[in-house]
Amino acid sequence: MSLFKKQGQAIALRYMPQNDAAPIVTVSESQDKAQTVKQLARRYGVPIIKNEKLTNKLNSIKVDSSIPADLYKDVAIIFASLQRQK
């Protein structure tokens, strides 16, 4: 899943319950690189979610790090929504 906000920030998350204790930030980019991430997500069918508030909160997390527990609920709601759409 990729999260975006208008101001050119892109965050990508991965969650594989069999391997990950919590969702992992896999990409965090801004400006031109954020647009490249968005283009690649579209090309490969990765869901894109526009959520500026959550993107701002995730922006400070280092790539390959788990999200903090206080964001579990917000991220879980998005992942659940994506599962229902399948």
C-alpha atoms as a PDB file:
ATOM      1  CA  MET A   1       0.000   0.000   0.000  1.00  0.00           C
ATOM      2  CA  SER A   2       1.207   3.495  -0.769  1.00  0.00           C
ATOM      3  CA  LEU A   3       0.122   6.638   1.066  1.00  0.00           C
ATOM      4  CA  PHE A   4       0.366  10.105  -0.423  1.00  0.00           C
ATOM      5  CA  LYS A   5      -0.330  13.687   0.412  1.00  0.00           C
ATOM      6  CA  LYS A   6      -0.652  16.674  -1.899  1.00  0.00           C
ATOM      7  CA  GLN A   7       2.659  18.281  -0.977  1.00  0.00           C
ATOM      8  CA  GLY A   8       4.741  15.576  -2.643  1.00  0.00           C
ATOM      9  CA  GLN A   9       5.325  12.970   0.044  1.00  0.00           C
ATOM     10  CA  ALA A  10       5.016   9.219  -0.550  1.00  0.00           C
ATOM     11  CA  ILE A  11       5.091   6.472   2.068  1.00  0.00           C
ATOM     12  CA  ALA A  12       4.778   2.773   1.242  1.00  0.00           C
ATOM     13  CA  LEU A  13       3.891   0.145   3.812  1.00  0.00           C
ATOM     14  CA  ARG A  14       4.154  -3.624   3.880  1.00  0.00           C
ATOM     15  CA  TYR A  15       2.446  -5.982   6.267  1.00  0.00           C
ATOM     16  CA  MET A  16       2.944  -9.721   6.027  1.00  0.00           C
ATOM     17  CA  PRO A  17       1.551 -11.219   9.271  1.00  0.00           C
ATOM     18  CA  GLN A  18       3.628 -14.382   8.948  1.00  0.00           C
ATOM     19  CA  ASN A  19       6.842 -12.297   8.861  1.00  0.00           C
ATOM     20  CA  ASP A  20       6.090  -8.868  10.335  1.00  0.00           C
ATOM     21  CA  ALA A  21       5.094  -8.071  13.920  1.00  0.00           C
ATOM     22  CA  ALA A  22       3.707  -4.757  12.637  1.00  0.00           C
ATOM     23  CA  PRO A  23       3.458  -2.903   9.312  1.00  0.00           C
ATOM     24  CA  ILE A  24       6.844  -1.819   7.948  1.00  0.00           C
ATOM     25  CA  VAL A  25       7.686   1.435   6.153  1.00  0.00           C
ATOM     26  CA  THR A  26       9.297   0.303   2.896  1.00  0.00           C
ATOM     27  CA  VAL A  27       9.529   3.655   1.085  1.00  0.00           C
ATOM     28  CA  SER A  28       9.588   7.256   2.236  1.00  0.00           C
ATOM     29  CA  GLU A  29      10.191   9.826  -0.476  1.00  0.00           C
ATOM     30  CA  SER A  30       9.402  13.441  -1.239  1.00  0.00           C
ATOM     31  CA  GLN A  31       9.023  15.733  -4.230  1.00  0.00           C
ATOM     32  CA  ASP A  32      10.104  14.197  -7.576  1.00  0.00           C
ATOM     33  CA  LYS A  33      10.903  10.810  -6.051  1.00  0.00           C
ATOM     34  CA  ALA A  34       7.413  10.736  -4.513  1.00  0.00           C
ATOM     35  CA  GLN A  35       5.948  11.123  -7.987  1.00  0.00           C
ATOM     36  CA  THR A  36       8.122   8.253  -9.223  1.00  0.00           C
ATOM     37  CA  VAL A  37       6.848   6.076  -6.370  1.00  0.00           C
ATOM     38  CA  LYS A  38       3.269   6.973  -7.295  1.00  0.00           C
ATOM     39  CA  GLN A  39       3.872   6.105 -10.965  1.00  0.00           C
ATOM     40  CA  LEU A  40       5.441   2.758 -10.042  1.00  0.00           C
ATOM     41  CA  ALA A  41       2.583   1.959  -7.666  1.00  0.00           C
ATOM     42  CA  ARG A  42       0.091   2.551 -10.473  1.00  0.00           C
ATOM     43  CA  ARG A  43       2.127   0.500 -12.937  1.00  0.00           C
ATOM     44  CA  TYR A  44       2.322  -2.502 -10.601  1.00  0.00           C
ATOM     45  CA  GLY A  45      -1.187  -2.299  -9.190  1.00  0.00           C
ATOM     46  CA  VAL A  46      -0.192  -1.227  -5.689  1.00  0.00           C
ATOM     47  CA  PRO A  47      -3.141   0.466  -3.973  1.00  0.00           C
ATOM     48  CA  ILE A  48      -2.715   4.208  -3.527  1.00  0.00           C
ATOM     49  CA  ILE A  49      -4.396   5.928  -0.600  1.00  0.00           C
ATOM     50  CA  LYS A  50      -4.459   9.698  -0.142  1.00  0.00           C
ATOM     51  CA  ASN A  51      -4.310  10.354   3.593  1.00  0.00           C
ATOM     52  CA  GLU A  52      -2.361  13.481   4.458  1.00  0.00           C
ATOM     53  CA  LYS A  53      -2.748  13.154   8.221  1.00  0.00           C
ATOM     54  CA  LEU A  54      -1.420   9.593   8.347  1.00  0.00           C
ATOM     55  CA  THR A  55       1.301  10.354   5.792  1.00  0.00           C
ATOM     56  CA  ASN A  56       2.508  13.191   8.024  1.00  0.00           C
ATOM     57  CA  LYS A  57       2.632  10.858  11.034  1.00  0.00           C
ATOM     58  CA  LEU A  58       4.517   8.153   9.109  1.00  0.00           C
ATOM     59  CA  ASN A  59       6.966  10.614   7.554  1.00  0.00           C
ATOM     60  CA  SER A  60       9.333  10.523  10.549  1.00  0.00           C
ATOM     61  CA  ILE A  61       9.664   6.720  10.569  1.00  0.00           C
ATOM     62  CA  LYS A  62      12.821   5.308   9.018  1.00  0.00           C
ATOM     63  CA  VAL A  63      12.597   2.953   6.044  1.00  0.00           C
ATOM     64  CA  ASP A  64      12.593  -0.730   7.094  1.00  0.00           C
ATOM     65  CA  SER A  65      11.207   0.200  10.520  1.00  0.00           C
ATOM     66  CA  SER A  66       7.910  -0.883  12.062  1.00  0.00           C
ATOM     67  CA  ILE A  67       5.213   1.687  12.579  1.00  0.00           C
ATOM     68  CA  PRO A  68       4.623   2.717  16.210  1.00  0.00           C
ATOM     69  CA  ALA A  69       1.784   1.108  18.169  1.00  0.00           C
ATOM     70  CA  ASP A  70      -0.207   4.357  18.307  1.00  0.00           C
ATOM     71  CA  LEU A  71      -0.674   4.139  14.502  1.00  0.00           C
ATOM     72  CA  TYR A  72      -1.813   0.490  14.399  1.00  0.00           C
ATOM     73  CA  LYS A  73      -5.512   1.358  14.402  1.00  0.00           C
ATOM     74  CA  ASP A  74      -5.257   3.966  11.620  1.00  0.00           C
ATOM     75  CA  VAL A  75      -3.228   1.626   9.408  1.00  0.00           C
ATOM     76  CA  ALA A  76      -5.414  -1.390  10.230  1.00  0.00           C
ATOM     77  CA  ILE A  77      -8.510   0.490   9.065  1.00  0.00           C
ATOM     78  CA  ILE A  78      -6.878   1.138   5.697  1.00  0.00           C
ATOM     79  CA  PHE A  79      -5.625  -2.431   5.293  1.00  0.00           C
ATOM     80  CA  ALA A  80      -9.083  -3.793   6.206  1.00  0.00           C
ATOM     81  CA  SER A  81     -10.704  -1.501   3.665  1.00  0.00           C
ATOM     82  CA  LEU A  82      -8.325  -2.717   0.974  1.00  0.00           C
ATOM     83  CA  GLN A  83      -9.080  -6.357   1.852  1.00  0.00           C
ATOM     84  CA  ARG A  84     -12.835  -5.742   1.521  1.00  0.00           C
ATOM     85  CA  GLN A  85     -12.281  -4.256  -1.951  1.00  0.00           C
ATOM     86  CA  LYS A  86     -10.628  -7.443  -3.249  1.00  0.00           C
END
